Amino acid sequence: MPSDRPTYAPIPAAGAPAPAGVRASRGARPAGRFVGLALAAAVPLVAVLGAAPAASAATSSAACRTALSSTLATRDPTVLQDRAVAPVTVRRGTATGVRVVVTRGGRTIASGTAARLAKGTTSVALRLRGTPTPGAVRIRVTGTVSGCGARRASVTYRLRSASLPVRAALRGSTEQNGRTVVRVLLRPVGGSTARGVRVQLRNALGAKVAATSIKGRLTSPTEAVLRAPASLPAGRYSVAVTGRSGTQKSTSSATQTIQLSKATEIAPAAATPDPSRQRVQIAWSGASSAGRDVAGFVVPGVGYGELVCSTGTQWIRVFPTDQSRESSMLTWTYRSWDGNSQNAEKALREALHTQFTGRDFNEGFNKFQPAEKQSTGEFTAILSDRGPFNAPFASSLVAPVGVHVTWAWDFRDPNNARCNAQADIVAQTPGSTGVGSAQVLWRGDAAAAGRDQTVADLPGVGRIQLICQATPSGTRSVRVEIPGASTLTTREGSVDTAVPFNGPVVSALPNNGQLQIDTAAGARILISSRWKVNDPDPAQNTCAVAAQSVAS
């Protein structure tokens, strides 16, 4: 794979011969009696040339002293808690075994590692130990830099007063009766609560153009609907949120930039608190993506999500409302990072929310760190509820949510960087049409009996039967009664295969994979399948199968 990093010739040690292919420039040889003079004159030149490697070595030593450094991405403790990262800069070659430690008074308050970082600046995720607070901290980074060996650097960094622990993301805007209605999703940070929350939409001059209040306490993702008195022009606005955090008596605030444009508009039918079909988009170009790189959406029955595409972050992030339940997003990824579709990567990946993964989970679009300069790709995913943590079964499950994401970015020119990303979210809700689902879930062989199969009618498609029995000899299959032609695509590891069917579709369920069935009528069924039935401890066997169908 070609590299976009420059290469350098090695610097010779003092007294070493010049590298092959390198020689000093010289004129015509002087004749006769001038030869001795020429040699004498050359003596100081040789001395100077002999000193050059020492000077270069000094330059190299100076470069190594600054080859590795780190800081924090923000001075706001609230923002740091929401996304704890430390930008690490590698100024030459690559760095391996990188570790960042943030301390206060000799006590570690955050740390993070990266196995390998390329030249440039990369955000290293930190694991926080408690809630960040204002004051001075010490950031220390260590690692092995190519050509420099083991390096370390430290810096003092001061965190300022924390903003209100509430973050906002634009969900979309619509025009209703000549008035602009802006929908913003608010979410508390780090499990905090806020009360007396008031939201203002301000224009570029800082003037209030719309406002609303949130009743009671903000304890989970909540949508704020801001209705302007007239139609608002496209452009940059800010969302200012004020309120009191926890038991604090004083009011604090948080302000974030958003961009209103046609690219952020959503259909009025989708502008509901719990929609079955949503589309969110990101589209920006230029030196800065501020206010244009985040789009929020609702995950019906699960919580809230964000689509993010900036030069520093490219991912889809989900914030479950019920922190006691496991969630899975099984994703088939197709991406190319060098502009050549022949080199595209296919891969099956799973993002999880468990009791060990924090309050949210995400799946990144980037392949490398730092992110590749160019990338195009897509995610085909099904997000499923797996019930309470470690419970043998769930008495009820949230219907699976289909997620499809496409993206294309070009960061080669920092002054003309761009990103276009789009996410379509489809869910079965009380008001949905053409969406159906079926699920099987059990943990431990003892819980499988009576919960290892299900039958459901899929609107506009036909009947589906899922079977996922325990023990190696059990049956694990899917059958869909589809009239006419259809195509079944199986995705496992990094391989996908397509098989045509005419009539019912019958297939084994992969133990770690996806099935996609496309019908001649335009309907699509997506199935995620994870099971294990051969563990020496029967209590460790599991099965989780989720299917969603969408009829056009």
Protein backbone atom coordinates (compact mmCIF):
# COMPACT_ATOMS: atom_id res chain seq x y z
CA MET A 1 0.00 0.00 0.00
CA PRO A 2 1.57 3.30 -1.07
CA SER A 3 2.38 5.81 1.63
CA ASP A 4 1.79 9.54 1.44
CA ARG A 5 4.62 10.22 3.90
CA PRO A 6 7.95 11.62 2.59
CA THR A 7 11.10 9.50 2.85
CA TYR A 8 14.49 10.71 3.96
CA ALA A 9 18.06 9.52 3.20
CA PRO A 10 19.99 8.46 6.32
CA ILE A 11 22.42 10.97 7.81
CA PRO A 12 25.98 9.50 7.68
CA ALA A 13 28.04 9.40 10.84
CA ALA A 14 31.10 11.61 11.13
CA GLY A 15 33.90 10.37 8.85
CA ALA A 16 31.64 7.89 7.02
CA PRO A 17 31.70 7.79 3.19
CA ALA A 18 28.93 9.52 1.31
CA PRO A 19 25.97 7.32 0.39
CA ALA A 20 26.08 5.61 -2.99
CA GLY A 21 25.06 7.87 -5.82
CA VAL A 22 26.01 11.06 -3.90
CA ARG A 23 29.18 13.00 -4.79
CA ALA A 24 30.52 16.49 -4.44
CA SER A 25 30.25 18.87 -7.36
CA ARG A 26 33.60 20.01 -8.85
CA GLY A 27 34.97 21.92 -11.81
CA ALA A 28 37.76 21.08 -14.31
CA ARG A 29 41.02 19.81 -12.87
CA PRO A 30 43.68 22.57 -12.68
CA ALA A 31 46.90 21.86 -14.63
CA GLY A 32 50.62 21.90 -13.78
CA ARG A 33 51.83 24.13 -10.98
CA PHE A 34 48.36 24.98 -9.79
CA VAL A 35 47.74 21.42 -8.53
CA GLY A 36 49.51 21.96 -5.21
CA LEU A 37 47.67 25.19 -4.63
CA ALA A 38 44.40 23.48 -5.38
CA LEU A 39 45.14 20.70 -2.87
CA ALA A 40 46.17 23.21 -0.24
CA ALA A 41 43.02 25.17 -0.75
CA ALA A 42 41.01 21.97 -0.46
CA VAL A 43 42.22 21.27 3.10
CA PRO A 44 39.87 23.65 4.89
CA LEU A 45 37.04 22.54 2.57
CA VAL A 46 37.59 18.91 3.63
CA ALA A 47 37.56 20.02 7.24
CA VAL A 48 34.27 21.79 6.69
CA LEU A 49 32.77 18.79 4.90
CA GLY A 50 33.94 16.54 7.73
CA ALA A 51 32.09 18.72 10.24
CA ALA A 52 28.78 18.54 8.38
CA PRO A 53 27.65 15.17 9.77
CA ALA A 54 28.22 16.43 13.33
CA ALA A 55 26.02 19.45 12.61
CA SER A 56 23.40 17.18 11.08
CA ALA A 57 23.57 14.90 14.10
CA ALA A 58 22.96 17.90 16.35
CA THR A 59 19.97 18.83 14.20
CA SER A 60 18.71 15.26 14.40
CA SER A 61 19.08 15.28 18.20
CA ALA A 62 17.10 18.49 18.43
CA ALA A 63 14.39 17.00 16.22
CA CYS A 64 14.19 13.94 18.45
CA ARG A 65 13.66 16.10 21.52
CA THR A 66 10.37 17.33 20.02
CA ALA A 67 9.47 14.15 18.11
CA LEU A 68 6.61 13.25 20.47
CA SER A 69 4.20 15.49 22.36
CA SER A 70 0.65 15.51 23.67
CA THR A 71 -2.03 17.79 25.05
CA LEU A 72 -5.78 17.63 25.73
CA ALA A 73 -8.45 18.34 23.12
CA THR A 74 -10.27 20.84 25.35
CA ARG A 75 -9.99 22.96 28.48
CA ASP A 76 -13.65 22.36 29.34
CA PRO A 77 -14.05 19.48 31.86
CA THR A 78 -17.55 18.76 30.51
CA VAL A 79 -16.33 18.35 26.93
CA LEU A 80 -13.42 16.22 28.16
CA GLN A 81 -15.79 13.94 30.05
CA ASP A 82 -18.02 13.61 27.01
CA ARG A 83 -15.14 12.66 24.72
CA ALA A 84 -11.95 11.99 26.64
CA VAL A 85 -9.10 12.18 24.12
CA ALA A 86 -5.54 13.43 24.07
CA PRO A 87 -4.16 14.61 20.71
CA VAL A 88 -0.68 13.06 20.31
CA THR A 89 1.68 14.58 17.75
CA VAL A 90 4.40 12.49 16.09
CA ARG A 91 6.77 14.76 14.17
CA ARG A 92 8.93 12.14 12.46
CA GLY A 93 8.52 8.54 11.37
CA THR A 94 6.18 6.48 13.53
CA ALA A 95 5.70 6.00 17.25
CA THR A 96 4.96 2.66 18.92
CA GLY A 97 3.93 1.73 22.44
CA VAL A 98 2.48 5.18 23.05
CA ARG A 99 1.06 5.89 26.51
CA VAL A 100 -0.55 9.10 27.75
CA VAL A 101 -1.03 9.72 31.47
CA VAL A 102 -2.84 12.74 32.95
CA THR A 103 -2.09 13.45 36.61
CA ARG A 104 -3.04 15.97 39.27
CA GLY A 105 -0.98 16.20 42.43
CA GLY A 106 0.75 12.93 41.62
CA ARG A 107 -2.56 11.06 41.20
CA THR A 108 -3.52 9.62 37.81
CA ILE A 109 -6.90 10.94 36.64
CA ALA A 110 -6.82 9.63 33.04
CA SER A 111 -4.70 7.40 30.83
CA GLY A 112 -4.70 5.92 27.34
CA THR A 113 -2.53 3.89 24.97
CA ALA A 114 -1.96 3.43 21.24
CA ALA A 115 0.03 0.56 19.73
CA ARG A 116 1.25 2.54 16.71
CA LEU A 117 0.81 6.12 15.51
CA ALA A 118 1.90 7.52 12.16
CA LYS A 119 3.45 10.93 11.64
CA GLY A 120 0.91 13.66 12.34
CA THR A 121 -1.58 14.32 15.13
CA THR A 122 -3.89 11.54 16.32
CA SER A 123 -6.48 11.57 19.10
CA VAL A 124 -5.75 8.83 21.67
CA ALA A 125 -8.77 7.75 23.72
CA LEU A 126 -8.41 8.22 27.47
CA ARG A 127 -9.99 6.25 30.29
CA LEU A 128 -11.10 8.69 32.97
CA ARG A 129 -10.93 7.94 36.67
CA GLY A 130 -13.74 10.07 37.98
CA THR A 131 -15.22 13.34 36.77
CA PRO A 132 -12.78 15.99 35.46
CA THR A 133 -12.69 19.23 37.49
CA PRO A 134 -11.10 22.66 36.92
CA GLY A 135 -7.43 23.20 37.72
CA ALA A 136 -3.93 22.37 36.51
CA VAL A 137 -3.07 18.88 35.30
CA ARG A 138 0.13 17.32 34.02
CA ILE A 139 0.10 15.45 30.69
CA ARG A 140 2.91 12.96 30.12
CA VAL A 141 3.40 10.98 26.91
CA THR A 142 5.93 8.20 26.32
CA GLY A 143 6.70 6.03 23.32
CA THR A 144 9.35 4.76 20.92
CA VAL A 145 9.87 6.99 17.88
CA SER A 146 11.59 5.59 14.79
CA GLY A 147 15.11 6.98 14.53
CA CYS A 148 14.95 8.46 18.02
CA GLY A 149 14.34 5.55 20.36
CA ALA A 150 12.39 5.90 23.61
CA ARG A 151 11.00 9.42 24.03
CA ARG A 152 8.97 11.19 26.67
CA ALA A 153 7.48 14.64 27.02
CA SER A 154 5.27 16.40 29.54
CA VAL A 155 3.34 19.65 29.76
CA THR A 156 1.15 21.44 32.31
CA TYR A 157 -2.40 22.14 31.15
CA ARG A 158 -5.08 24.08 32.97
CA LEU A 159 -8.75 23.10 32.83
CA ARG A 160 -11.19 25.99 33.21
CA SER A 161 -14.65 26.04 34.80
CA ALA A 162 -16.96 23.31 33.53
CA SER A 163 -19.83 24.18 31.23
CA LEU A 164 -23.33 22.78 31.81
CA PRO A 165 -23.09 18.96 31.42
CA VAL A 166 -25.48 18.93 28.49
CA ARG A 167 -24.52 18.50 24.84
CA ALA A 168 -26.65 19.39 21.84
CA ALA A 169 -26.77 18.13 18.25
CA LEU A 170 -28.93 19.32 15.38
CA ARG A 171 -31.46 16.74 14.28
CA GLY A 172 -32.97 18.79 11.49
CA SER A 173 -35.13 21.73 10.48
CA THR A 174 -38.41 22.13 8.62
CA GLU A 175 -40.56 24.95 7.33
CA GLN A 176 -44.09 24.96 8.76
CA ASN A 177 -46.56 27.71 7.83
CA GLY A 178 -43.80 30.13 6.95
CA ARG A 179 -41.88 29.49 10.18
CA THR A 180 -38.63 27.57 10.67
CA VAL A 181 -38.84 24.75 13.21
CA VAL A 182 -35.45 23.53 14.45
CA ARG A 183 -35.16 20.26 16.33
CA VAL A 184 -32.16 19.81 18.62
CA LEU A 185 -31.36 16.68 20.61
CA LEU A 186 -30.06 17.33 24.13
CA ARG A 187 -28.27 14.69 26.15
CA PRO A 188 -26.75 14.77 29.65
CA VAL A 189 -23.04 14.06 29.94
CA GLY A 190 -21.65 11.22 32.05
CA GLY A 191 -24.92 10.27 33.71
CA SER A 192 -25.41 13.77 35.14
CA THR A 193 -28.77 15.52 35.48
CA ALA A 194 -29.79 19.10 34.83
CA ARG A 195 -32.82 21.11 35.86
CA GLY A 196 -34.27 24.43 34.83
CA VAL A 197 -32.97 23.83 31.32
CA ARG A 198 -33.65 26.59 28.82
CA VAL A 199 -32.59 26.48 25.17
CA GLN A 200 -32.02 29.45 22.87
CA LEU A 201 -31.29 29.57 19.16
CA ARG A 202 -29.11 32.57 18.32
CA ASN A 203 -28.10 33.98 14.95
CA ALA A 204 -24.60 34.97 13.87
CA LEU A 205 -24.96 38.32 15.67
CA GLY A 206 -25.88 36.60 18.94
CA ALA A 207 -29.53 37.69 18.81
CA LYS A 208 -32.15 35.22 20.07
CA VAL A 209 -34.38 33.96 17.25
CA ALA A 210 -36.16 31.10 19.07
CA ALA A 211 -36.34 29.63 22.58
CA THR A 212 -37.92 26.83 24.59
CA SER A 213 -37.72 25.21 28.03
CA ILE A 214 -37.44 21.59 29.17
CA LYS A 215 -39.85 20.62 31.92
CA GLY A 216 -38.54 18.77 34.95
CA ARG A 217 -35.06 17.27 35.05
CA LEU A 218 -33.03 16.36 32.00
CA THR A 219 -31.93 12.81 32.80
CA SER A 220 -31.93 11.21 29.34
CA PRO A 221 -31.71 12.28 25.68
CA THR A 222 -34.51 14.78 25.02
CA GLU A 223 -35.58 16.65 21.92
CA ALA A 224 -35.95 20.43 22.11
CA VAL A 225 -38.22 21.99 19.48
CA LEU A 226 -37.36 25.60 18.65
CA ARG A 227 -40.00 27.50 16.64
CA ALA A 228 -38.84 30.74 15.07
CA PRO A 229 -41.42 33.50 14.46
CA ALA A 230 -40.51 33.57 10.75
CA SER A 231 -38.52 31.72 8.14
CA LEU A 232 -34.81 31.72 8.98
CA PRO A 233 -32.11 32.09 6.32
CA ALA A 234 -29.51 29.37 5.94
CA GLY A 235 -26.29 30.01 7.81
CA ARG A 236 -24.47 29.56 11.08
CA TYR A 237 -26.37 29.69 14.36
CA SER A 238 -25.61 28.72 17.94
CA VAL A 239 -27.55 26.71 20.50
CA ALA A 240 -27.17 28.11 24.03
CA VAL A 241 -28.33 25.83 26.86
CA THR A 242 -28.57 27.10 30.43
CA GLY A 243 -29.55 25.30 33.62
CA ARG A 244 -28.39 23.92 36.95
CA SER A 245 -26.39 20.73 37.25
CA GLY A 246 -27.12 18.21 39.98
CA THR A 247 -27.48 20.03 43.29
CA GLN A 248 -25.73 23.23 42.18
CA LYS A 249 -27.55 26.46 42.98
CA SER A 250 -25.80 28.58 40.37
CA THR A 251 -26.74 28.51 36.69
CA SER A 252 -24.19 27.40 34.09
CA SER A 253 -24.36 27.28 30.33
CA ALA A 254 -23.08 25.46 27.26
CA THR A 255 -23.02 26.85 23.73
CA GLN A 256 -22.54 24.92 20.49
CA THR A 257 -22.49 26.00 16.86
CA ILE A 258 -24.86 24.53 14.28
CA GLN A 259 -25.39 25.15 10.57
CA LEU A 260 -28.87 25.47 9.10
CA SER A 261 -29.05 24.59 5.44
CA LYS A 262 -31.04 22.47 3.04
CA ALA A 263 -28.67 19.62 3.80
CA THR A 264 -29.97 19.41 7.37
CA GLU A 265 -33.68 19.50 6.54
CA ILE A 266 -35.87 16.51 7.35
CA ALA A 267 -39.33 15.71 6.08
CA PRO A 268 -42.18 16.91 8.35
CA ALA A 269 -43.39 13.30 8.68
CA ALA A 270 -40.03 12.33 10.19
CA ALA A 271 -39.94 15.27 12.58
CA THR A 272 -41.62 13.37 15.40
CA PRO A 273 -40.25 12.30 18.80
CA ASP A 274 -40.16 8.60 17.88
CA PRO A 275 -39.97 8.24 14.09
CA SER A 276 -39.79 5.01 12.13
CA ARG A 277 -37.70 6.44 9.27
CA GLN A 278 -35.09 9.17 9.52
CA ARG A 279 -32.33 10.55 7.34
CA VAL A 280 -29.57 12.80 8.66
CA GLN A 281 -26.80 14.36 6.60
CA ILE A 282 -23.46 16.09 6.99
CA ALA A 283 -22.02 18.20 4.17
CA TRP A 284 -19.17 20.66 4.58
CA SER A 285 -16.05 21.90 2.86
CA GLY A 286 -13.37 24.45 3.70
CA ALA A 287 -10.83 24.95 6.46
CA SER A 288 -13.30 24.44 9.34
CA SER A 289 -16.14 21.99 9.94
CA ALA A 290 -17.32 23.62 13.19
CA GLY A 291 -21.10 23.47 13.53
CA ARG A 292 -21.44 21.29 10.44
CA ASP A 293 -19.82 18.00 11.46
CA VAL A 294 -22.45 16.48 13.80
CA ALA A 295 -25.98 15.29 13.05
CA GLY A 296 -28.26 13.81 15.71
CA PHE A 297 -31.00 11.18 15.40
CA VAL A 298 -33.35 9.15 17.56
CA VAL A 299 -32.86 5.39 17.99
CA PRO A 300 -36.45 4.34 18.81
CA GLY A 301 -36.63 2.29 22.00
CA VAL A 302 -32.85 2.49 22.51
CA GLY A 303 -31.82 6.13 22.86
CA TYR A 304 -30.02 8.66 20.78
CA GLY A 305 -27.30 8.67 18.14
CA GLU A 306 -24.85 10.99 16.45
CA LEU A 307 -23.26 10.92 13.02
CA VAL A 308 -19.88 12.70 13.16
CA CYS A 309 -17.46 13.55 10.37
CA SER A 310 -14.63 16.01 10.97
CA THR A 311 -10.89 15.87 10.27
CA GLY A 312 -10.40 14.54 13.81
CA THR A 313 -13.39 12.20 14.25
CA GLN A 314 -15.39 10.01 11.85
CA TRP A 315 -17.91 7.67 13.48
CA ILE A 316 -21.47 6.81 14.39
CA ARG A 317 -22.04 6.98 18.15
CA VAL A 318 -25.01 5.63 20.13
CA PHE A 319 -26.12 6.69 23.63
CA PRO A 320 -28.51 4.10 25.14
CA THR A 321 -31.12 5.48 27.53
CA ASP A 322 -31.30 2.36 29.69
CA GLN A 323 -27.77 1.82 30.91
CA SER A 324 -28.58 -1.63 32.32
CA ARG A 325 -29.24 -3.31 28.95
CA GLU A 326 -26.85 -4.74 26.39
CA SER A 327 -26.97 -3.40 22.82
CA SER A 328 -25.24 -4.65 19.69
CA MET A 329 -24.60 -3.02 16.33
CA LEU A 330 -23.41 -5.71 13.92
CA THR A 331 -22.01 -3.91 10.89
CA TRP A 332 -20.93 -4.96 7.42
CA THR A 333 -18.31 -2.44 6.31
CA TYR A 334 -17.27 -1.63 2.77
CA ARG A 335 -14.62 1.08 2.39
CA SER A 336 -11.79 2.32 0.22
CA TRP A 337 -9.12 4.77 1.33
CA ASP A 338 -6.96 5.28 -1.77
CA GLY A 339 -9.60 6.15 -4.37
CA ASN A 340 -9.33 2.70 -5.97
CA SER A 341 -12.43 0.56 -5.53
CA GLN A 342 -10.35 -2.51 -6.41
CA ASN A 343 -8.61 -2.10 -3.05
CA ALA A 344 -11.84 -1.79 -1.06
CA GLU A 345 -12.04 -3.59 2.27
CA LYS A 346 -14.97 -5.71 3.37
CA ALA A 347 -15.31 -6.59 7.03
CA LEU A 348 -17.86 -7.66 9.63
CA ARG A 349 -17.56 -5.75 12.91
CA GLU A 350 -19.61 -5.51 16.10
CA ALA A 351 -19.93 -2.51 18.41
CA LEU A 352 -21.30 -3.33 21.85
CA HIS A 353 -22.75 -1.60 24.87
CA THR A 354 -22.12 -3.70 28.00
CA GLN A 355 -21.50 -3.05 31.68
CA PHE A 356 -17.79 -2.66 30.82
CA THR A 357 -17.92 -0.28 27.83
CA GLY A 358 -19.07 3.01 29.36
CA ARG A 359 -22.25 4.95 28.70
CA ASP A 360 -22.10 4.84 24.91
CA PHE A 361 -20.60 2.88 22.03
CA ASN A 362 -19.43 3.72 18.53
CA GLU A 363 -18.14 2.39 15.25
CA GLY A 364 -15.51 4.36 13.34
CA PHE A 365 -15.34 4.97 9.60
CA ASN A 366 -11.55 5.43 9.49
CA LYS A 367 -9.13 2.59 8.82
CA PHE A 368 -5.90 4.22 10.03
CA GLN A 369 -4.60 6.62 12.69
CA PRO A 370 -4.43 9.49 11.84
CA ALA A 371 -7.44 9.10 9.56
CA GLU A 372 -6.64 8.45 5.91
CA LYS A 373 -6.59 11.54 3.69
CA GLN A 374 -9.31 10.10 1.45
CA SER A 375 -12.06 7.62 2.19
CA THR A 376 -15.34 6.40 0.74
CA GLY A 377 -17.48 3.67 2.20
CA GLU A 378 -20.69 2.44 3.74
CA PHE A 379 -22.05 0.61 6.77
CA THR A 380 -24.97 -1.81 6.62
CA ALA A 381 -25.93 -2.51 10.22
CA ILE A 382 -28.64 -3.83 12.46
CA LEU A 383 -28.79 -2.47 16.00
CA SER A 384 -30.42 -4.90 18.41
CA ASP A 385 -31.43 -4.99 22.06
CA ARG A 386 -30.09 -7.96 24.04
CA GLY A 387 -31.94 -7.41 27.27
CA PRO A 388 -30.55 -6.90 30.78
CA PHE A 389 -26.83 -7.55 31.26
CA ASN A 390 -26.10 -11.28 31.65
CA ALA A 391 -29.78 -12.19 32.10
CA PRO A 392 -30.60 -15.68 30.72
CA PHE A 393 -33.41 -14.13 28.64
CA ALA A 394 -35.49 -10.98 28.26
CA SER A 395 -39.25 -10.92 28.78
CA SER A 396 -39.46 -8.33 25.99
CA LEU A 397 -37.03 -6.83 23.49
CA VAL A 398 -36.91 -3.54 21.62
CA ALA A 399 -37.49 -4.08 17.90
CA PRO A 400 -34.23 -4.12 15.88
CA VAL A 401 -33.19 -0.84 14.22
CA GLY A 402 -31.68 -0.77 10.74
CA VAL A 403 -28.81 1.64 10.14
CA HIS A 404 -27.23 2.44 6.78
CA VAL A 405 -24.38 4.96 6.54
CA THR A 406 -22.44 6.26 3.53
CA TRP A 407 -19.50 8.66 3.56
CA ALA A 408 -16.87 10.31 1.39
CA TRP A 409 -14.16 12.65 2.63
CA ASP A 410 -11.02 14.31 1.28
CA PHE A 411 -8.63 15.84 3.82
CA ARG A 412 -5.58 16.18 1.55
CA ASP A 413 -5.76 19.97 1.42
CA PRO A 414 -6.45 21.38 4.92
CA ASN A 415 -7.80 24.61 3.43
CA ASN A 416 -10.25 22.78 1.19
CA ALA A 417 -11.10 19.67 3.20
CA ARG A 418 -14.58 18.21 2.77
CA CYS A 419 -16.87 15.49 4.07
CA ASN A 420 -20.26 14.23 2.98
CA ALA A 421 -21.97 11.62 5.15
CA GLN A 422 -25.52 10.33 5.40
CA ALA A 423 -27.29 7.96 7.77
CA ASP A 424 -30.70 6.31 7.25
CA ILE A 425 -32.35 4.89 10.36
CA VAL A 426 -35.39 2.59 10.10
CA ALA A 427 -37.33 1.19 13.06
CA GLN A 428 -40.55 -0.65 13.76
CA THR A 429 -42.69 1.68 15.89
CA PRO A 430 -46.43 1.83 16.67
CA GLY A 431 -46.92 4.22 13.74
CA SER A 432 -44.59 2.58 11.23
CA THR A 433 -45.64 1.00 7.94
CA GLY A 434 -43.83 -1.66 5.95
CA VAL A 435 -41.39 -2.50 8.76
CA GLY A 436 -41.37 -5.85 10.57
CA SER A 437 -39.02 -7.82 12.83
CA ALA A 438 -38.30 -11.09 14.63
CA GLN A 439 -35.79 -12.03 17.36
CA VAL A 440 -34.38 -14.96 19.30
CA LEU A 441 -32.30 -14.44 22.46
CA TRP A 442 -31.05 -16.76 25.21
CA ARG A 443 -27.96 -17.10 27.42
CA GLY A 444 -27.04 -20.52 28.77
CA ASP A 445 -28.39 -23.86 27.53
CA ALA A 446 -30.91 -23.96 30.39
CA ALA A 447 -32.61 -20.82 29.06
CA ALA A 448 -32.87 -22.02 25.45
CA ALA A 449 -35.89 -24.31 25.81
CA GLY A 450 -39.03 -22.47 24.74
CA ARG A 451 -37.04 -19.43 23.58
CA ASP A 452 -35.02 -20.92 20.74
CA GLN A 453 -37.39 -20.13 17.88
CA THR A 454 -39.97 -17.63 16.72
CA VAL A 455 -42.39 -17.05 13.85
CA ALA A 456 -43.57 -13.63 12.65
CA ASP A 457 -45.38 -12.06 9.70
CA LEU A 458 -43.29 -9.44 7.92
CA PRO A 459 -45.45 -6.68 6.33
CA GLY A 460 -45.25 -6.78 2.54
CA VAL A 461 -42.88 -9.76 2.56
CA GLY A 462 -44.18 -12.98 4.13
CA ARG A 463 -43.72 -15.21 7.14
CA ILE A 464 -40.30 -15.66 8.77
CA GLN A 465 -39.20 -18.50 11.05
CA LEU A 466 -35.99 -18.25 13.11
CA ILE A 467 -34.61 -21.33 14.88
CA CYS A 468 -31.53 -21.21 17.11
CA GLN A 469 -31.32 -24.33 19.25
CA ALA A 470 -28.71 -25.19 21.88
CA THR A 471 -26.09 -28.00 21.65
CA PRO A 472 -23.89 -28.64 18.60
CA SER A 473 -26.49 -30.98 17.10
CA GLY A 474 -29.28 -28.40 17.29
CA THR A 475 -30.84 -26.59 14.33
CA ARG A 476 -29.95 -22.97 13.60
CA SER A 477 -31.74 -21.73 10.51
CA VAL A 478 -34.00 -19.14 8.91
CA ARG A 479 -36.93 -19.70 6.55
CA VAL A 480 -38.79 -16.88 4.82
CA GLU A 481 -41.91 -17.55 2.75
CA ILE A 482 -41.19 -15.25 -0.18
CA PRO A 483 -43.06 -15.74 -3.45
CA GLY A 484 -41.02 -15.32 -6.64
CA ALA A 485 -37.36 -14.50 -7.08
CA SER A 486 -35.01 -13.21 -4.41
CA THR A 487 -31.30 -13.08 -3.59
CA LEU A 488 -29.67 -14.21 -0.35
CA THR A 489 -26.31 -12.61 0.55
CA THR A 490 -24.27 -14.15 3.37
CA ARG A 491 -21.57 -12.04 5.08
CA GLU A 492 -18.96 -13.58 7.33
CA GLY A 493 -15.47 -12.32 8.19
CA SER A 494 -14.43 -10.40 5.08
CA VAL A 495 -16.34 -12.47 2.51
CA ASP A 496 -19.82 -12.03 1.07
CA THR A 497 -21.56 -14.51 -1.24
CA ALA A 498 -24.86 -14.15 -3.10
CA VAL A 499 -27.21 -17.02 -4.01
CA PRO A 500 -30.46 -16.70 -6.05
CA PHE A 501 -33.73 -18.25 -4.81
CA ASN A 502 -37.14 -18.77 -6.36
CA GLY A 503 -39.75 -19.27 -3.69
CA PRO A 504 -39.05 -19.77 0.03
CA VAL A 505 -35.57 -18.82 1.22
CA VAL A 506 -34.00 -21.34 3.59
CA SER A 507 -30.53 -20.92 5.04
CA ALA A 508 -28.36 -21.85 8.00
CA LEU A 509 -27.69 -19.01 10.45
CA PRO A 510 -24.00 -18.04 10.57
CA ASN A 511 -22.50 -18.16 14.05
CA ASN A 512 -21.04 -14.69 13.51
CA GLY A 513 -22.43 -12.97 10.48
CA GLN A 514 -25.15 -11.20 8.53
CA LEU A 515 -27.77 -12.38 6.08
CA GLN A 516 -29.45 -10.02 3.61
CA ILE A 517 -32.42 -11.06 1.50
CA ASP A 518 -33.49 -8.82 -1.40
CA THR A 519 -36.82 -9.59 -3.07
CA ALA A 520 -37.95 -8.85 -6.60
CA ALA A 521 -40.64 -6.57 -5.15
CA GLY A 522 -37.99 -4.32 -3.58
CA ALA A 523 -38.23 -5.48 0.03
CA ARG A 524 -35.12 -6.18 2.08
CA ILE A 525 -34.58 -8.39 5.14
CA LEU A 526 -31.42 -7.95 7.22
CA ILE A 527 -30.48 -10.53 9.85
CA SER A 528 -27.68 -10.42 12.43
CA SER A 529 -26.67 -13.76 13.90
CA ARG A 530 -24.31 -14.53 16.81
CA TRP A 531 -24.33 -17.90 18.55
CA LYS A 532 -22.06 -20.28 20.50
CA VAL A 533 -23.17 -23.80 21.42
CA ASN A 534 -20.01 -25.79 22.16
CA ASP A 535 -18.61 -24.20 25.33
CA PRO A 536 -17.50 -26.75 27.97
CA ASP A 537 -19.60 -24.73 30.41
CA PRO A 538 -23.19 -24.88 29.08
CA ALA A 539 -24.00 -21.66 30.95
CA GLN A 540 -21.60 -19.81 28.62
CA ASN A 541 -23.45 -20.75 25.43
CA THR A 542 -25.56 -18.03 23.84
CA CYS A 543 -27.70 -17.14 20.86
CA ALA A 544 -28.74 -13.68 19.66
CA VAL A 545 -30.52 -13.38 16.31
CA ALA A 546 -32.30 -10.23 15.14
CA ALA A 547 -34.14 -9.75 11.85
CA GLN A 548 -35.68 -6.62 10.34
CA SER A 549 -37.62 -6.34 7.08
CA VAL A 550 -38.37 -3.14 5.19
CA ALA A 551 -40.91 -3.16 2.36
CA SER A 552 -40.79 -0.29 -0.13
